[in-house]
Amino acid sequence: GPYAATVSRQDDGYLYSYGPAGGEVDLTMISANRQGDWRKSYGADKDSLRDEMHFASGGYTYILYEERPVCPESRAVTRRGLTVLQDGATAPIFQRICDPSLSFMQMPAWAEE
């Protein structure tokens, strides 16, 4: 069945949870620091802004991301996903695109600098 990855704000940081949708959670991690490990960049096509939250555990890095158009008329999220890297490698060992209408993350708003 479908799986769910979520990020939620906790008193001591951000909580990552992964497991079957509507079932027992298989994996949880709390951010290494209270503010979380946020990264901001442009998407691969340079037409989108990308927010990422990184979590590390046991030699793996879990990256949850969301993208939205650069144009100011529409800042609606167009893509959310999960990427897993092992031991600092750049090639993912796991990748999934999420349905933006069914997924939710408490990402801070993109702030242009």
Protein backbone atom coordinates (compact mmCIF):
# COMPACT_ATOMS: atom_id res chain seq x y z
CA GLY A 1 0.00 0.00 0.00
CA PRO A 2 0.96 3.67 -0.02
CA TYR A 3 3.52 5.09 2.40
CA ALA A 4 3.59 8.52 4.04
CA ALA A 5 6.53 10.75 4.95
CA THR A 6 5.75 13.72 7.15
CA VAL A 7 7.61 16.56 8.83
CA SER A 8 6.04 18.25 11.82
CA ARG A 9 7.21 20.94 14.25
CA GLN A 10 7.95 19.75 17.79
CA ASP A 11 9.09 21.71 20.86
CA ASP A 12 12.65 20.40 20.48
CA GLY A 13 12.92 20.52 16.66
CA TYR A 14 11.33 18.93 13.61
CA LEU A 15 10.08 15.34 13.57
CA TYR A 16 10.39 13.14 10.46
CA SER A 17 8.06 10.13 10.30
CA TYR A 18 7.79 7.43 7.62
CA GLY A 19 5.52 4.42 7.38
CA PRO A 20 2.39 2.95 5.82
CA ALA A 21 -0.34 5.56 5.33
CA GLY A 22 -2.77 5.20 8.23
CA GLY A 23 -0.62 2.54 9.91
CA GLU A 24 2.25 2.14 12.36
CA VAL A 25 5.23 4.43 11.73
CA ASP A 26 8.37 2.53 10.60
CA LEU A 27 10.92 5.28 11.18
CA THR A 28 11.09 8.55 13.12
CA MET A 29 13.93 11.05 13.52
CA ILE A 30 14.19 14.41 15.23
CA SER A 31 16.23 17.21 13.62
CA ALA A 32 19.82 17.56 14.87
CA ASN A 33 19.10 21.11 16.00
CA ARG A 34 16.00 22.93 17.11
CA GLN A 35 15.81 25.06 13.96
CA GLY A 36 16.16 22.07 11.62
CA ASP A 37 18.60 21.53 8.76
CA TRP A 38 16.89 23.64 6.06
CA ARG A 39 18.38 24.19 2.62
CA LYS A 40 17.04 26.52 -0.06
CA SER A 41 17.95 26.47 -3.74
CA TYR A 42 16.57 26.65 -7.23
CA GLY A 43 15.07 23.52 -8.78
CA ALA A 44 16.85 21.67 -11.58
CA ASP A 45 14.97 23.66 -14.22
CA LYS A 46 15.81 27.05 -12.57
CA ASP A 47 12.10 27.93 -12.90
CA SER A 48 11.29 26.68 -9.42
CA LEU A 49 12.35 27.36 -5.84
CA ARG A 50 13.23 24.33 -3.71
CA ASP A 51 13.05 24.00 0.09
CA GLU A 52 14.66 20.94 1.66
CA MET A 53 14.76 19.49 5.17
CA HIS A 54 17.67 17.10 5.85
CA PHE A 55 17.67 14.38 8.51
CA ALA A 56 20.65 12.06 9.17
CA SER A 57 20.63 8.61 10.75
CA GLY A 58 23.01 5.65 10.63
CA GLY A 59 24.99 6.72 7.56
CA TYR A 60 21.89 7.78 5.62
CA THR A 61 20.60 11.25 4.79
CA TYR A 62 16.85 11.65 4.28
CA ILE A 63 15.88 14.72 2.24
CA LEU A 64 12.28 15.87 2.07
CA TYR A 65 11.66 18.67 -0.39
CA GLU A 66 9.03 20.82 -1.98
CA GLU A 67 9.19 22.99 -5.07
CA ARG A 68 7.12 25.97 -6.24
CA PRO A 69 7.32 28.27 -9.27
CA VAL A 70 9.70 31.24 -9.19
CA CYS A 71 7.06 33.56 -10.67
CA PRO A 72 5.32 35.58 -7.94
CA GLU A 73 1.80 35.05 -9.36
CA SER A 74 1.71 31.47 -8.12
CA ARG A 75 3.68 30.19 -5.16
CA ALA A 76 1.59 27.02 -4.87
CA VAL A 77 3.65 23.90 -4.22
CA THR A 78 3.94 21.89 -7.43
CA ARG A 79 6.08 18.97 -6.26
CA ARG A 80 7.01 17.24 -3.02
CA GLY A 81 9.30 14.29 -2.63
CA LEU A 82 11.67 12.16 -0.59
CA THR A 83 15.28 11.29 -1.48
CA VAL A 84 17.60 9.02 0.53
CA LEU A 85 21.40 9.12 0.19
CA GLN A 86 23.89 6.71 1.77
CA ASP A 87 27.26 7.68 3.29
CA GLY A 88 27.46 11.11 1.62
CA ALA A 89 26.94 9.73 -1.91
CA THR A 90 25.33 12.01 -4.49
CA ALA A 91 23.36 9.25 -6.27
CA PRO A 92 20.14 8.45 -4.37
CA ILE A 93 19.42 4.92 -3.17
CA PHE A 94 15.72 5.79 -2.87
CA GLN A 95 13.50 8.47 -4.44
CA ARG A 96 9.77 9.07 -4.42
CA ILE A 97 7.63 11.92 -5.74
CA CYS A 98 4.66 12.69 -3.49
CA ASP A 99 1.22 13.88 -4.50
CA PRO A 100 1.24 17.57 -3.42
CA SER A 101 -2.50 17.52 -2.81
CA LEU A 102 -2.18 14.62 -0.34
CA SER A 103 1.11 15.46 1.37
CA PHE A 104 1.93 18.15 3.89
CA MET A 105 5.10 19.50 5.44
CA GLN A 106 5.58 22.43 7.78
CA MET A 107 8.20 24.11 5.62
CA PRO A 108 8.89 27.78 6.28
CA ALA A 109 7.95 30.14 3.47
CA TRP A 110 10.65 30.82 0.87
CA ALA A 111 12.37 34.10 1.59
CA GLU A 112 14.09 35.69 -1.39
CA GLU A 113 17.40 37.27 -0.46
